[in-house]
Amino acid sequence: MINPSMFGVSPKQMEDAQEVGRHLGMQIIKHRKEGRLEVKFFLLNPSENYDLGEPVDRLCDQLAWGFSTMFGVKGKIVNVE
């Protein structure tokens, strides 16, 4: 088992992150030849009122930060809506 504190994540942050998983599912579609992937979040309970935009924003920021920090990859996040 991985200890989240190894990555600078507090128990409270981990608890908050786990709460997201109680509301959302995720589908990842890979387009290897195009070098593209799609991530789609969906509500586990479709009648629930939960902001899907927040995890999308967080994932985009984390992905951009991670690739910039680890690999020196530069780019931009393009908002469609």
PDB file of N, CA and C in Angstrom:
ATOM      1  N   MET A   1       0.838  -1.180   0.000  1.00  0.00           N
ATOM      2  CA  MET A   1       0.000   0.000   0.000  1.00  0.00           C
ATOM      3  C   MET A   1       0.886   1.248   0.000  1.00  0.00           C
ATOM      4  N   ILE A   2       0.450   2.247  -0.748  1.00  0.00           N
ATOM      5  CA  ILE A   2       1.195   3.495  -0.864  1.00  0.00           C
ATOM      6  C   ILE A   2       0.767   4.435   0.254  1.00  0.00           C
ATOM      7  N   ASN A   3       1.735   5.068   0.875  1.00  0.00           N
ATOM      8  CA  ASN A   3       1.468   6.050   1.910  1.00  0.00           C
ATOM      9  C   ASN A   3       1.329   7.422   1.245  1.00  0.00           C
ATOM     10  N   PRO A   4       0.138   8.025   1.274  1.00  0.00           N
ATOM     11  CA  PRO A   4      -0.068   9.315   0.605  1.00  0.00           C
ATOM     12  C   PRO A   4       0.857  10.417   1.099  1.00  0.00           C
ATOM     13  N   SER A   5       1.305  10.344   2.358  1.00  0.00           N
ATOM     14  CA  SER A   5       2.175  11.398   2.875  1.00  0.00           C
ATOM     15  C   SER A   5       3.521  11.421   2.153  1.00  0.00           C
ATOM     16  N   MET A   6       3.886  10.318   1.482  1.00  0.00           N
ATOM     17  CA  MET A   6       5.116  10.296   0.682  1.00  0.00           C
ATOM     18  C   MET A   6       5.043  11.311  -0.447  1.00  0.00           C
ATOM     19  N   PHE A   7       3.835  11.671  -0.865  1.00  0.00           N
ATOM     20  CA  PHE A   7       3.642  12.598  -1.975  1.00  0.00           C
ATOM     21  C   PHE A   7       3.168  13.961  -1.487  1.00  0.00           C
ATOM     22  N   GLY A   8       3.295  14.211  -0.179  1.00  0.00           N
ATOM     23  CA  GLY A   8       2.894  15.495   0.378  1.00  0.00           C
ATOM     24  C   GLY A   8       1.398  15.645   0.547  1.00  0.00           C
ATOM     25  N   VAL A   9       0.680  14.527   0.649  1.00  0.00           N
ATOM     26  CA  VAL A   9      -0.775  14.554   0.801  1.00  0.00           C
ATOM     27  C   VAL A   9      -1.114  14.252   2.258  1.00  0.00           C
ATOM     28  N   SER A  10      -1.857  15.152   2.866  1.00  0.00           N
ATOM     29  CA  SER A  10      -2.249  14.972   4.265  1.00  0.00           C
ATOM     30  C   SER A  10      -3.421  13.992   4.346  1.00  0.00           C
ATOM     31  N   PRO A  11      -3.659  13.431   5.524  1.00  0.00           N
ATOM     32  CA  PRO A  11      -4.828  12.554   5.683  1.00  0.00           C
ATOM     33  C   PRO A  11      -6.138  13.255   5.334  1.00  0.00           C
ATOM     34  N   LYS A  12      -6.257  14.536   5.662  1.00  0.00           N
ATOM     35  CA  LYS A  12      -7.470  15.295   5.330  1.00  0.00           C
ATOM     36  C   LYS A  12      -7.631  15.431   3.823  1.00  0.00           C
ATOM     37  N   GLN A  13      -6.542  15.720   3.119  1.00  0.00           N
ATOM     38  CA  GLN A  13      -6.597  15.829   1.660  1.00  0.00           C
ATOM     39  C   GLN A  13      -6.986  14.483   1.044  1.00  0.00           C
ATOM     40  N   MET A  14      -6.445  13.413   1.582  1.00  0.00           N
ATOM     41  CA  MET A  14      -6.775  12.084   1.079  1.00  0.00           C
ATOM     42  C   MET A  14      -8.252  11.759   1.317  1.00  0.00           C
ATOM     43  N   GLU A  15      -8.749  12.132   2.473  1.00  0.00           N
ATOM     44  CA  GLU A  15     -10.162  11.921   2.785  1.00  0.00           C
ATOM     45  C   GLU A  15     -11.049  12.704   1.814  1.00  0.00           C
ATOM     46  N   ASP A  16     -10.675  13.955   1.545  1.00  0.00           N
ATOM     47  CA  ASP A  16     -11.432  14.781   0.595  1.00  0.00           C
ATOM     48  C   ASP A  16     -11.401  14.173  -0.805  1.00  0.00           C
ATOM     49  N   ALA A  17     -10.244  13.666  -1.200  1.00  0.00           N
ATOM     50  CA  ALA A  17     -10.107  13.046  -2.520  1.00  0.00           C
ATOM     51  C   ALA A  17     -10.966  11.792  -2.618  1.00  0.00           C
ATOM     52  N   GLN A  18     -10.992  11.004  -1.571  1.00  0.00           N
ATOM     53  CA  GLN A  18     -11.804   9.789  -1.572  1.00  0.00           C
ATOM     54  C   GLN A  18     -13.294  10.121  -1.665  1.00  0.00           C
ATOM     55  N   GLU A  19     -13.689  11.256  -1.134  1.00  0.00           N
ATOM     56  CA  GLU A  19     -15.084  11.679  -1.205  1.00  0.00           C
ATOM     57  C   GLU A  19     -15.517  11.870  -2.663  1.00  0.00           C
ATOM     58  N   VAL A  20     -14.613  12.370  -3.497  1.00  0.00           N
ATOM     59  CA  VAL A  20     -14.915  12.547  -4.925  1.00  0.00           C
ATOM     60  C   VAL A  20     -15.295  11.200  -5.540  1.00  0.00           C
ATOM     61  N   GLY A  21     -14.555  10.159  -5.194  1.00  0.00           N
ATOM     62  CA  GLY A  21     -14.813   8.827  -5.734  1.00  0.00           C
ATOM     63  C   GLY A  21     -16.134   8.223  -5.298  1.00  0.00           C
ATOM     64  N   ARG A  22     -16.727   8.758  -4.264  1.00  0.00           N
ATOM     65  CA  ARG A  22     -18.047   8.285  -3.831  1.00  0.00           C
ATOM     66  C   ARG A  22     -19.153   8.840  -4.731  1.00  0.00           C
ATOM     67  N   HIS A  23     -18.824   9.859  -5.514  1.00  0.00           N
ATOM     68  CA  HIS A  23     -19.814  10.518  -6.367  1.00  0.00           C
ATOM     69  C   HIS A  23     -19.580  10.273  -7.855  1.00  0.00           C
ATOM     70  N   LEU A  24     -18.319  10.042  -8.237  1.00  0.00           N
ATOM     71  CA  LEU A  24     -17.975  10.011  -9.658  1.00  0.00           C
ATOM     72  C   LEU A  24     -17.393   8.680 -10.106  1.00  0.00           C
ATOM     73  N   GLY A  25     -17.658   8.373 -11.363  1.00  0.00           N
ATOM     74  CA  GLY A  25     -16.953   7.325 -12.080  1.00  0.00           C
ATOM     75  C   GLY A  25     -16.153   7.999 -13.183  1.00  0.00           C
ATOM     76  N   MET A  26     -15.331   7.216 -13.861  1.00  0.00           N
ATOM     77  CA  MET A  26     -14.438   7.797 -14.862  1.00  0.00           C
ATOM     78  C   MET A  26     -14.272   6.822 -16.030  1.00  0.00           C
ATOM     79  N   GLN A  27     -14.249   7.362 -17.218  1.00  0.00           N
ATOM     80  CA  GLN A  27     -13.966   6.580 -18.422  1.00  0.00           C
ATOM     81  C   GLN A  27     -12.789   7.242 -19.125  1.00  0.00           C
ATOM     82  N   ILE A  28     -11.787   6.437 -19.493  1.00  0.00           N
ATOM     83  CA  ILE A  28     -10.618   6.953 -20.216  1.00  0.00           C
ATOM     84  C   ILE A  28     -10.565   6.244 -21.562  1.00  0.00           C
ATOM     85  N   ILE A  29     -10.543   7.029 -22.617  1.00  0.00           N
ATOM     86  CA  ILE A  29     -10.483   6.496 -23.981  1.00  0.00           C
ATOM     87  C   ILE A  29      -9.129   6.878 -24.569  1.00  0.00           C
ATOM     88  N   LYS A  30      -8.367   5.869 -25.006  1.00  0.00           N
ATOM     89  CA  LYS A  30      -7.024   6.116 -25.555  1.00  0.00           C
ATOM     90  C   LYS A  30      -7.068   6.095 -27.082  1.00  0.00           C
ATOM     91  N   HIS A  31      -6.431   7.083 -27.679  1.00  0.00           N
ATOM     92  CA  HIS A  31      -6.219   7.157 -29.122  1.00  0.00           C
ATOM     93  C   HIS A  31      -4.706   7.176 -29.322  1.00  0.00           C
ATOM     94  N   ARG A  32      -4.082   6.018 -29.236  1.00  0.00           N
ATOM     95  CA  ARG A  32      -2.622   5.930 -29.241  1.00  0.00           C
ATOM     96  C   ARG A  32      -1.992   6.497 -30.507  1.00  0.00           C
ATOM     97  N   LYS A  33      -2.549   6.187 -31.659  1.00  0.00           N
ATOM     98  CA  LYS A  33      -1.955   6.652 -32.918  1.00  0.00           C
ATOM     99  C   LYS A  33      -2.002   8.165 -33.046  1.00  0.00           C
ATOM    100  N   GLU A  34      -3.010   8.784 -32.437  1.00  0.00           N
ATOM    101  CA  GLU A  34      -3.150  10.238 -32.486  1.00  0.00           C
ATOM    102  C   GLU A  34      -2.442  10.918 -31.325  1.00  0.00           C
ATOM    103  N   GLY A  35      -1.968  10.140 -30.347  1.00  0.00           N
ATOM    104  CA  GLY A  35      -1.341  10.725 -29.169  1.00  0.00           C
ATOM    105  C   GLY A  35      -2.333  11.510 -28.326  1.00  0.00           C
ATOM    106  N   ARG A  36      -3.533  10.982 -28.209  1.00  0.00           N
ATOM    107  CA  ARG A  36      -4.611  11.716 -27.551  1.00  0.00           C
ATOM    108  C   ARG A  36      -5.351  10.792 -26.601  1.00  0.00           C
ATOM    109  N   LEU A  37      -5.859  11.360 -25.522  1.00  0.00           N
ATOM    110  CA  LEU A  37      -6.747  10.610 -24.647  1.00  0.00           C
ATOM    111  C   LEU A  37      -7.903  11.489 -24.230  1.00  0.00           C
ATOM    112  N   GLU A  38      -9.005  10.838 -23.925  1.00  0.00           N
ATOM    113  CA  GLU A  38     -10.198  11.529 -23.448  1.00  0.00           C
ATOM    114  C   GLU A  38     -10.518  10.984 -22.064  1.00  0.00           C
ATOM    115  N   VAL A  39     -10.822  11.871 -21.157  1.00  0.00           N
ATOM    116  CA  VAL A  39     -11.245  11.477 -19.825  1.00  0.00           C
ATOM    117  C   VAL A  39     -12.652  12.019 -19.623  1.00  0.00           C
ATOM    118  N   LYS A  40     -13.539  11.136 -19.249  1.00  0.00           N
ATOM    119  CA  LYS A  40     -14.919  11.561 -19.020  1.00  0.00           C
ATOM    120  C   LYS A  40     -15.333  11.132 -17.624  1.00  0.00           C
ATOM    121  N   PHE A  41     -15.747  12.097 -16.818  1.00  0.00           N
ATOM    122  CA  PHE A  41     -16.302  11.813 -15.504  1.00  0.00           C
ATOM    123  C   PHE A  41     -17.807  11.671 -15.647  1.00  0.00           C
ATOM    124  N   PHE A  42     -18.403  10.818 -14.831  1.00  0.00           N
ATOM    125  CA  PHE A  42     -19.850  10.679 -14.822  1.00  0.00           C
ATOM    126  C   PHE A  42     -20.320  10.475 -13.389  1.00  0.00           C
ATOM    127  N   LEU A  43     -21.543  10.885 -13.132  1.00  0.00           N
ATOM    128  CA  LEU A  43     -22.123  10.739 -11.803  1.00  0.00           C
ATOM    129  C   LEU A  43     -22.539   9.296 -11.582  1.00  0.00           C
ATOM    130  N   LEU A  44     -22.181   8.747 -10.445  1.00  0.00           N
ATOM    131  CA  LEU A  44     -22.622   7.406 -10.099  1.00  0.00           C
ATOM    132  C   LEU A  44     -24.123   7.393  -9.832  1.00  0.00           C
ATOM    133  N   ASN A  45     -24.623   8.502  -9.321  1.00  0.00           N
ATOM    134  CA  ASN A  45     -26.055   8.686  -9.103  1.00  0.00           C
ATOM    135  C   ASN A  45     -26.487   9.859  -9.983  1.00  0.00           C
ATOM    136  N   PRO A  46     -27.055   9.583 -11.160  1.00  0.00           N
ATOM    137  CA  PRO A  46     -27.383  10.657 -12.111  1.00  0.00           C
ATOM    138  C   PRO A  46     -28.314  11.736 -11.564  1.00  0.00           C
ATOM    139  N   SER A  47     -29.077  11.436 -10.530  1.00  0.00           N
ATOM    140  CA  SER A  47     -29.984  12.447  -9.988  1.00  0.00           C
ATOM    141  C   SER A  47     -29.299  13.366  -8.978  1.00  0.00           C
ATOM    142  N   GLU A  48     -28.034  13.068  -8.667  1.00  0.00           N
ATOM    143  CA  GLU A  48     -27.286  13.885  -7.710  1.00  0.00           C
ATOM    144  C   GLU A  48     -26.829  15.188  -8.356  1.00  0.00           C
ATOM    145  N   ASN A  49     -26.800  16.242  -7.569  1.00  0.00           N
ATOM    146  CA  ASN A  49     -26.323  17.538  -8.040  1.00  0.00           C
ATOM    147  C   ASN A  49     -24.856  17.677  -7.619  1.00  0.00           C
ATOM    148  N   TYR A  50     -23.934  17.383  -8.517  1.00  0.00           N
ATOM    149  CA  TYR A  50     -22.497  17.436  -8.230  1.00  0.00           C
ATOM    150  C   TYR A  50     -21.810  18.089  -9.412  1.00  0.00           C
ATOM    151  N   ASP A  51     -20.944  19.053  -9.155  1.00  0.00           N
ATOM    152  CA  ASP A  51     -20.275  19.821 -10.204  1.00  0.00           C
ATOM    153  C   ASP A  51     -19.183  18.989 -10.872  1.00  0.00           C
ATOM    154  N   LEU A  52     -19.416  18.527 -12.093  1.00  0.00           N
ATOM    155  CA  LEU A  52     -18.426  17.740 -12.827  1.00  0.00           C
ATOM    156  C   LEU A  52     -17.248  18.596 -13.293  1.00  0.00           C
ATOM    157  N   GLY A  53     -17.444  19.897 -13.373  1.00  0.00           N
ATOM    158  CA  GLY A  53     -16.380  20.782 -13.834  1.00  0.00           C
ATOM    159  C   GLY A  53     -15.212  20.874 -12.869  1.00  0.00           C
ATOM    160  N   GLU A  54     -15.467  20.743 -11.580  1.00  0.00           N
ATOM    161  CA  GLU A  54     -14.395  20.867 -10.588  1.00  0.00           C
ATOM    162  C   GLU A  54     -13.339  19.763 -10.745  1.00  0.00           C
ATOM    163  N   PRO A  55     -13.715  18.487 -10.826  1.00  0.00           N
ATOM    164  CA  PRO A  55     -12.665  17.480 -11.027  1.00  0.00           C
ATOM    165  C   PRO A  55     -11.973  17.607 -12.386  1.00  0.00           C
ATOM    166  N   VAL A  56     -12.685  18.098 -13.390  1.00  0.00           N
ATOM    167  CA  VAL A  56     -12.061  18.321 -14.701  1.00  0.00           C
ATOM    168  C   VAL A  56     -10.974  19.392 -14.574  1.00  0.00           C
ATOM    169  N   ASP A  57     -11.302  20.496 -13.893  1.00  0.00           N
ATOM    170  CA  ASP A  57     -10.315  21.560 -13.693  1.00  0.00           C
ATOM    171  C   ASP A  57      -9.105  21.050 -12.916  1.00  0.00           C
ATOM    172  N   ARG A  58      -9.356  20.307 -11.854  1.00  0.00           N
ATOM    173  CA  ARG A  58      -8.256  19.790 -11.027  1.00  0.00           C
ATOM    174  C   ARG A  58      -7.361  18.838 -11.817  1.00  0.00           C
ATOM    175  N   LEU A  59      -7.977  17.928 -12.572  1.00  0.00           N
ATOM    176  CA  LEU A  59      -7.185  16.973 -13.348  1.00  0.00           C
ATOM    177  C   LEU A  59      -6.343  17.689 -14.401  1.00  0.00           C
ATOM    178  N   CYS A  60      -6.914  18.672 -15.076  1.00  0.00           N
ATOM    179  CA  CYS A  60      -6.156  19.440 -16.074  1.00  0.00           C
ATOM    180  C   CYS A  60      -4.956  20.126 -15.441  1.00  0.00           C
ATOM    181  N   ASP A  61      -5.177  20.767 -14.313  1.00  0.00           N
ATOM    182  CA  ASP A  61      -4.085  21.468 -13.634  1.00  0.00           C
ATOM    183  C   ASP A  61      -3.001  20.494 -13.178  1.00  0.00           C
ATOM    184  N   GLN A  62      -3.406  19.364 -12.607  1.00  0.00           N
ATOM    185  CA  GLN A  62      -2.438  18.373 -12.133  1.00  0.00           C
ATOM    186  C   GLN A  62      -1.658  17.756 -13.285  1.00  0.00           C
ATOM    187  N   LEU A  63      -2.338  17.477 -14.390  1.00  0.00           N
ATOM    188  CA  LEU A  63      -1.681  16.890 -15.553  1.00  0.00           C
ATOM    189  C   LEU A  63      -0.663  17.862 -16.142  1.00  0.00           C
ATOM    190  N   ALA A  64      -1.064  19.118 -16.297  1.00  0.00           N
ATOM    191  CA  ALA A  64      -0.149  20.123 -16.839  1.00  0.00           C
ATOM    192  C   ALA A  64       1.049  20.323 -15.910  1.00  0.00           C
ATOM    193  N   TRP A  65       0.793  20.417 -14.608  1.00  0.00           N
ATOM    194  CA  TRP A  65       1.871  20.605 -13.632  1.00  0.00           C
ATOM    195  C   TRP A  65       2.814  19.403 -13.645  1.00  0.00           C
ATOM    196  N   GLY A  66       2.253  18.212 -13.647  1.00  0.00           N
ATOM    197  CA  GLY A  66       3.076  16.996 -13.608  1.00  0.00           C
ATOM    198  C   GLY A  66       3.981  16.862 -14.821  1.00  0.00           C
ATOM    199  N   PHE A  67       3.458  17.085 -16.011  1.00  0.00           N
ATOM    200  CA  PHE A  67       4.274  16.950 -17.214  1.00  0.00           C
ATOM    201  C   PHE A  67       5.310  18.063 -17.323  1.00  0.00           C
ATOM    202  N   SER A  68       4.960  19.248 -16.836  1.00  0.00           N
ATOM    203  CA  SER A  68       5.927  20.342 -16.834  1.00  0.00           C
ATOM    204  C   SER A  68       7.051  20.064 -15.844  1.00  0.00           C
ATOM    205  N   THR A  69       6.685  19.625 -14.655  1.00  0.00           N
ATOM    206  CA  THR A  69       7.666  19.380 -13.597  1.00  0.00           C
ATOM    207  C   THR A  69       8.546  18.173 -13.895  1.00  0.00           C
ATOM    208  N   MET A  70       7.946  17.080 -14.297  1.00  0.00           N
ATOM    209  CA  MET A  70       8.683  15.831 -14.478  1.00  0.00           C
ATOM    210  C   MET A  70       9.450  15.767 -15.802  1.00  0.00           C
ATOM    211  N   PHE A  71       8.841  16.285 -16.870  1.00  0.00           N
ATOM    212  CA  PHE A  71       9.410  16.084 -18.202  1.00  0.00           C
ATOM    213  C   PHE A  71       9.791  17.372 -18.923  1.00  0.00           C
ATOM    214  N   GLY A  72       9.464  18.512 -18.326  1.00  0.00           N
ATOM    215  CA  GLY A  72       9.766  19.781 -18.977  1.00  0.00           C
ATOM    216  C   GLY A  72       8.863  20.067 -20.155  1.00  0.00           C
ATOM    217  N   VAL A  73       7.734  19.377 -20.252  1.00  0.00           N
ATOM    218  CA  VAL A  73       6.784  19.585 -21.351  1.00  0.00           C
ATOM    219  C   VAL A  73       6.013  20.876 -21.097  1.00  0.00           C
ATOM    220  N   LYS A  74       5.994  21.751 -22.064  1.00  0.00           N
ATOM    221  CA  LYS A  74       5.267  23.020 -21.967  1.00  0.00           C
ATOM    222  C   LYS A  74       4.059  22.975 -22.894  1.00  0.00           C
ATOM    223  N   GLY A  75       3.040  23.727 -22.555  1.00  0.00           N
ATOM    224  CA  GLY A  75       1.844  23.759 -23.382  1.00  0.00           C
ATOM    225  C   GLY A  75       0.817  24.676 -22.741  1.00  0.00           C
ATOM    226  N   LYS A  76      -0.426  24.458 -23.081  1.00  0.00           N
ATOM    227  CA  LYS A  76      -1.492  25.284 -22.536  1.00  0.00           C
ATOM    228  C   LYS A  76      -2.752  24.441 -22.381  1.00  0.00           C
ATOM    229  N   ILE A  77      -3.603  24.900 -21.513  1.00  0.00           N
ATOM    230  CA  ILE A  77      -4.934  24.291 -21.325  1.00  0.00           C
ATOM    231  C   ILE A  77      -5.915  25.152 -22.089  1.00  0.00           C
ATOM    232  N   VAL A  78      -6.685  24.554 -22.975  1.00  0.00           N
ATOM    233  CA  VAL A  78      -7.660  25.275 -23.786  1.00  0.00           C
ATOM    234  C   VAL A  78      -9.053  24.976 -23.254  1.00  0.00           C
ATOM    235  N   ASN A  79      -9.749  26.012 -22.835  1.00  0.00           N
ATOM    236  CA  ASN A  79     -11.138  25.852 -22.364  1.00  0.00           C
ATOM    237  C   ASN A  79     -12.080  25.916 -23.546  1.00  0.00           C
ATOM    238  N   VAL A  80     -12.929  24.909 -23.707  1.00  0.00           N
ATOM    239  CA  VAL A  80     -13.864  24.860 -24.821  1.00  0.00           C
ATOM    240  C   VAL A  80     -15.174  25.560 -24.464  1.00  0.00           C
ATOM    241  N   GLU A  81     -15.575  25.469 -23.230  1.00  0.00           N
ATOM    242  CA  GLU A  81     -16.848  26.100 -22.842  1.00  0.00           C
ATOM    243  C   GLU A  81     -16.634  27.143 -21.786  1.00  0.00           C
TER     244      GLU A  81
END
